[in-house]
N, C-alpha and C. Protein backbone atom coordinates (compact mmCIF):
# COMPACT_ATOMS: atom_id res chain seq x y z
N UNK A 1 -14.46 26.77 23.99
CA UNK A 1 -14.62 25.24 23.37
C UNK A 1 -16.25 24.66 23.92
N UNK A 2 -17.11 23.70 22.90
CA UNK A 2 -18.54 22.97 23.79
C UNK A 2 -17.53 22.56 24.43
N UNK A 3 -18.59 21.41 25.09
CA UNK A 3 -18.12 19.64 25.41
C UNK A 3 -19.27 19.10 24.69
N UNK A 4 -19.24 17.72 24.17
CA UNK A 4 -19.56 17.51 22.97
C UNK A 4 -20.40 16.19 24.13
N UNK A 5 -19.89 16.11 25.45
CA UNK A 5 -20.43 14.65 26.43
C UNK A 5 -20.88 15.86 27.12
N UNK A 6 -22.13 16.34 26.94
CA UNK A 6 -22.80 17.02 27.71
C UNK A 6 -23.86 17.82 27.48
N UNK A 7 -23.57 18.42 25.78
CA UNK A 7 -23.72 18.88 24.52
C UNK A 7 -24.97 17.58 24.52
N UNK A 8 -24.14 16.33 24.20
CA UNK A 8 -24.95 15.31 23.52
C UNK A 8 -25.72 14.75 25.13
N UNK A 9 -25.35 14.58 25.95
CA UNK A 9 -26.19 14.51 27.02
C UNK A 9 -27.38 15.03 27.09
N UNK A 10 -26.97 16.41 26.37
CA UNK A 10 -28.67 17.06 26.54
C UNK A 10 -29.57 16.55 25.74
N UNK A 11 -28.56 17.17 24.52
CA UNK A 11 -29.92 16.35 23.12
C UNK A 11 -30.31 14.58 23.47
N UNK A 12 -29.95 13.80 24.30
CA UNK A 12 -30.61 12.40 23.80
C UNK A 12 -31.49 12.53 24.79
N UNK A 13 -31.38 13.72 26.62
CA UNK A 13 -32.57 13.39 27.17
C UNK A 13 -31.94 12.89 28.35
N UNK A 14 -30.77 12.09 28.38
CA UNK A 14 -30.15 11.31 29.46
C UNK A 14 -29.52 12.37 30.90
N UNK A 15 -29.28 11.06 32.14
CA UNK A 15 -29.38 12.08 33.58
C UNK A 15 -28.09 12.14 33.36
N UNK A 16 -27.40 11.13 33.08
CA UNK A 16 -26.31 10.51 33.23
C UNK A 16 -24.89 10.77 32.07
N UNK A 17 -24.34 11.09 32.05
CA UNK A 17 -23.64 10.41 30.48
C UNK A 17 -22.74 9.25 30.54
N UNK A 18 -22.76 8.96 31.43
CA UNK A 18 -22.22 7.50 31.13
C UNK A 18 -23.55 6.07 31.18
N UNK A 19 -24.40 6.93 30.74
CA UNK A 19 -25.56 5.95 29.95
C UNK A 19 -25.40 5.79 28.43
N UNK A 20 -24.32 7.37 27.83
CA UNK A 20 -24.78 7.41 26.81
C UNK A 20 -24.38 6.18 25.70
N UNK A 21 -22.92 5.71 26.06
CA UNK A 21 -22.97 4.27 25.27
C UNK A 21 -24.80 3.45 24.94
N UNK A 22 -25.58 3.24 25.74
CA UNK A 22 -26.72 2.70 25.61
C UNK A 22 -27.65 3.33 24.12
N UNK A 23 -27.54 4.72 24.61
CA UNK A 23 -28.15 5.16 23.78
C UNK A 23 -27.49 5.23 22.20
N UNK A 24 -26.19 3.91 21.90
CA UNK A 24 -25.84 4.36 20.91
C UNK A 24 -26.50 4.91 19.18
N UNK A 25 -27.81 4.33 18.97
CA UNK A 25 -28.20 4.87 17.99
C UNK A 25 -28.73 6.44 17.47
N UNK A 26 -29.64 6.66 19.38
CA UNK A 26 -30.08 8.12 18.82
C UNK A 26 -28.78 9.01 19.17
N UNK A 27 -26.90 8.25 19.90
CA UNK A 27 -26.19 9.65 19.89
C UNK A 27 -25.87 9.34 18.05
N UNK A 28 -26.15 8.34 17.31
CA UNK A 28 -25.25 8.60 16.09
C UNK A 28 -26.26 9.53 15.55
N UNK A 29 -27.54 9.51 15.79
CA UNK A 29 -27.69 10.06 14.81
C UNK A 29 -28.02 11.92 15.07
N UNK A 30 -27.78 12.24 16.37
CA UNK A 30 -27.41 13.25 17.20
C UNK A 30 -26.23 13.54 16.43
N UNK A 31 -25.41 12.76 16.15
CA UNK A 31 -23.96 12.92 16.27
C UNK A 31 -23.33 13.38 14.57
N UNK A 32 -24.51 13.39 13.22
CA UNK A 32 -24.15 12.99 12.62
C UNK A 32 -25.18 14.87 11.52
N UNK A 33 -25.24 15.48 12.83
CA UNK A 33 -26.22 16.91 12.29
C UNK A 33 -25.40 17.21 13.47
N UNK A 34 -24.79 18.05 14.26
CA UNK A 34 -24.01 17.86 15.19
C UNK A 34 -22.61 18.89 14.14
N UNK A 35 -22.34 20.23 14.49
CA UNK A 35 -21.57 20.77 13.76
C UNK A 35 -19.78 20.44 15.21
N UNK A 36 -18.96 19.68 14.52
CA UNK A 36 -18.54 18.98 14.91
C UNK A 36 -17.02 19.56 14.94
N UNK A 37 -17.20 20.86 14.10
CA UNK A 37 -15.83 21.24 14.17
C UNK A 37 -15.90 22.35 15.23
N UNK A 38 -16.72 22.77 16.12
CA UNK A 38 -16.86 22.99 17.69
C UNK A 38 -16.31 22.53 18.79
N UNK A 39 -16.09 21.48 18.35
CA UNK A 39 -15.16 20.37 19.37
C UNK A 39 -13.87 20.06 19.01
N UNK A 40 -13.22 20.16 19.98
CA UNK A 40 -11.65 19.63 20.34
C UNK A 40 -11.17 18.77 19.53
N UNK A 41 -10.22 18.34 18.97
CA UNK A 41 -10.30 16.24 18.30
C UNK A 41 -9.59 15.36 19.12
N UNK A 42 -9.08 16.36 19.80
CA UNK A 42 -8.82 15.46 21.34
C UNK A 42 -9.76 14.71 21.78
N UNK A 43 -10.70 15.96 22.31
CA UNK A 43 -12.49 15.93 23.41
C UNK A 43 -12.70 14.48 22.03
N UNK A 44 -13.27 14.50 20.55
CA UNK A 44 -14.16 13.52 20.20
C UNK A 44 -13.61 12.47 19.64
N UNK A 45 -12.14 12.19 20.21
CA UNK A 45 -11.19 10.77 19.96
C UNK A 45 -12.24 10.34 21.44
N UNK A 46 -11.71 10.94 22.32
CA UNK A 46 -12.57 10.59 23.35
C UNK A 46 -14.13 10.31 24.02
N UNK A 47 -14.58 11.04 23.24
CA UNK A 47 -16.33 10.51 22.58
C UNK A 47 -16.27 9.42 22.07
N UNK A 48 -15.84 9.49 20.57
CA UNK A 48 -16.12 8.26 19.87
C UNK A 48 -15.40 6.19 21.32
N UNK A 49 -14.32 7.01 21.14
CA UNK A 49 -13.86 6.15 21.75
C UNK A 49 -14.47 5.60 23.01
N UNK A 50 -15.33 6.42 23.66
CA UNK A 50 -16.30 6.08 24.99
C UNK A 50 -17.41 5.19 24.80
N UNK A 51 -18.29 5.67 24.16
CA UNK A 51 -19.27 6.28 23.33
C UNK A 51 -19.14 4.70 22.15
N UNK A 52 -18.86 4.95 21.14
CA UNK A 52 -18.61 3.44 20.00
C UNK A 52 -17.80 2.69 20.45
N UNK A 53 -16.38 2.48 21.37
CA UNK A 53 -15.51 1.48 21.25
C UNK A 53 -14.44 1.86 20.03
N UNK A 54 -14.36 3.18 18.91
CA UNK A 54 -13.97 3.11 18.28
C UNK A 54 -12.84 4.41 18.43
N UNK A 55 -12.22 4.47 17.31
CA UNK A 55 -11.20 6.23 16.75
C UNK A 55 -11.93 7.04 16.10
N UNK A 56 -12.36 8.13 16.62
CA UNK A 56 -12.89 9.02 16.18
C UNK A 56 -12.76 8.76 14.18
N UNK A 57 -11.07 8.89 13.69
CA UNK A 57 -11.11 8.66 12.48
C UNK A 57 -12.08 7.26 11.17
N UNK A 58 -12.73 6.42 12.27
CA UNK A 58 -13.74 5.66 11.84
C UNK A 58 -15.14 6.22 11.60
N UNK A 59 -15.22 6.82 13.13
CA UNK A 59 -17.22 7.61 12.77
C UNK A 59 -16.70 8.58 11.28
N UNK A 60 -15.35 9.33 11.24
CA UNK A 60 -15.17 10.58 10.70
C UNK A 60 -15.71 9.57 9.10
N UNK A 61 -14.73 8.61 9.08
CA UNK A 61 -14.89 7.96 7.77
C UNK A 61 -16.44 6.56 7.43
N UNK A 62 -17.08 7.06 8.07
CA UNK A 62 -18.35 6.40 7.88
C UNK A 62 -19.14 7.62 7.55
N UNK A 63 -18.36 8.31 8.42
CA UNK A 63 -20.18 9.81 7.64
C UNK A 63 -19.84 10.16 7.00
N UNK A 64 -18.61 10.25 6.53
CA UNK A 64 -18.90 10.68 4.91
C UNK A 64 -18.65 9.82 3.83
N UNK A 65 -18.80 8.15 3.96
CA UNK A 65 -18.86 7.36 3.32
C UNK A 65 -20.27 7.80 3.29
N UNK A 66 -21.10 8.49 4.07
CA UNK A 66 -22.62 8.05 4.33
C UNK A 66 -22.99 9.22 3.07
N UNK A 67 -22.32 10.42 3.52
CA UNK A 67 -22.94 11.92 2.87
C UNK A 67 -22.23 11.55 1.25
N UNK A 68 -21.51 10.78 0.53
CA UNK A 68 -21.01 10.69 -0.57
C UNK A 68 -21.55 9.88 -1.50
N UNK A 69 -22.26 8.72 -0.50
CA UNK A 69 -23.15 7.67 -1.02
C UNK A 69 -24.84 7.68 0.11
N UNK A 70 -26.23 8.10 -0.21
CA UNK A 70 -26.61 8.41 0.47
C UNK A 70 -27.22 7.18 0.51
N UNK A 71 -27.61 6.25 -0.30
CA UNK A 71 -28.07 5.07 -0.49
C UNK A 71 -27.63 3.74 0.13
N UNK A 72 -26.46 4.42 0.95
CA UNK A 72 -25.60 3.65 1.19
C UNK A 72 -26.60 3.22 2.93
N UNK A 73 -25.78 1.79 3.11
CA UNK A 73 -26.76 1.62 4.72
C UNK A 73 -26.20 0.41 5.01
N UNK A 74 -25.86 0.32 7.03
CA UNK A 74 -25.07 -0.62 6.71
C UNK A 74 -25.56 -1.03 8.03
N UNK A 75 -25.65 -2.72 7.56
CA UNK A 75 -26.56 -3.45 8.28
C UNK A 75 -26.05 -4.19 9.32
């Protein structure tokens, strides 16, 4: 299995994983484009809590909502 923390670090271009929470918008953009099935559920949960402070199920719901209603925007 892949490591989402290291993969995201490479995609964002930051030196340390610890700064990922400061790049939430960029992380969110990349997260929606990544094949999340390549990662273990436990790791996705840890990642969501570390970067966004929410459970992975919450992120998944929002992603599903955005896919089903493309005109929906979060403010």
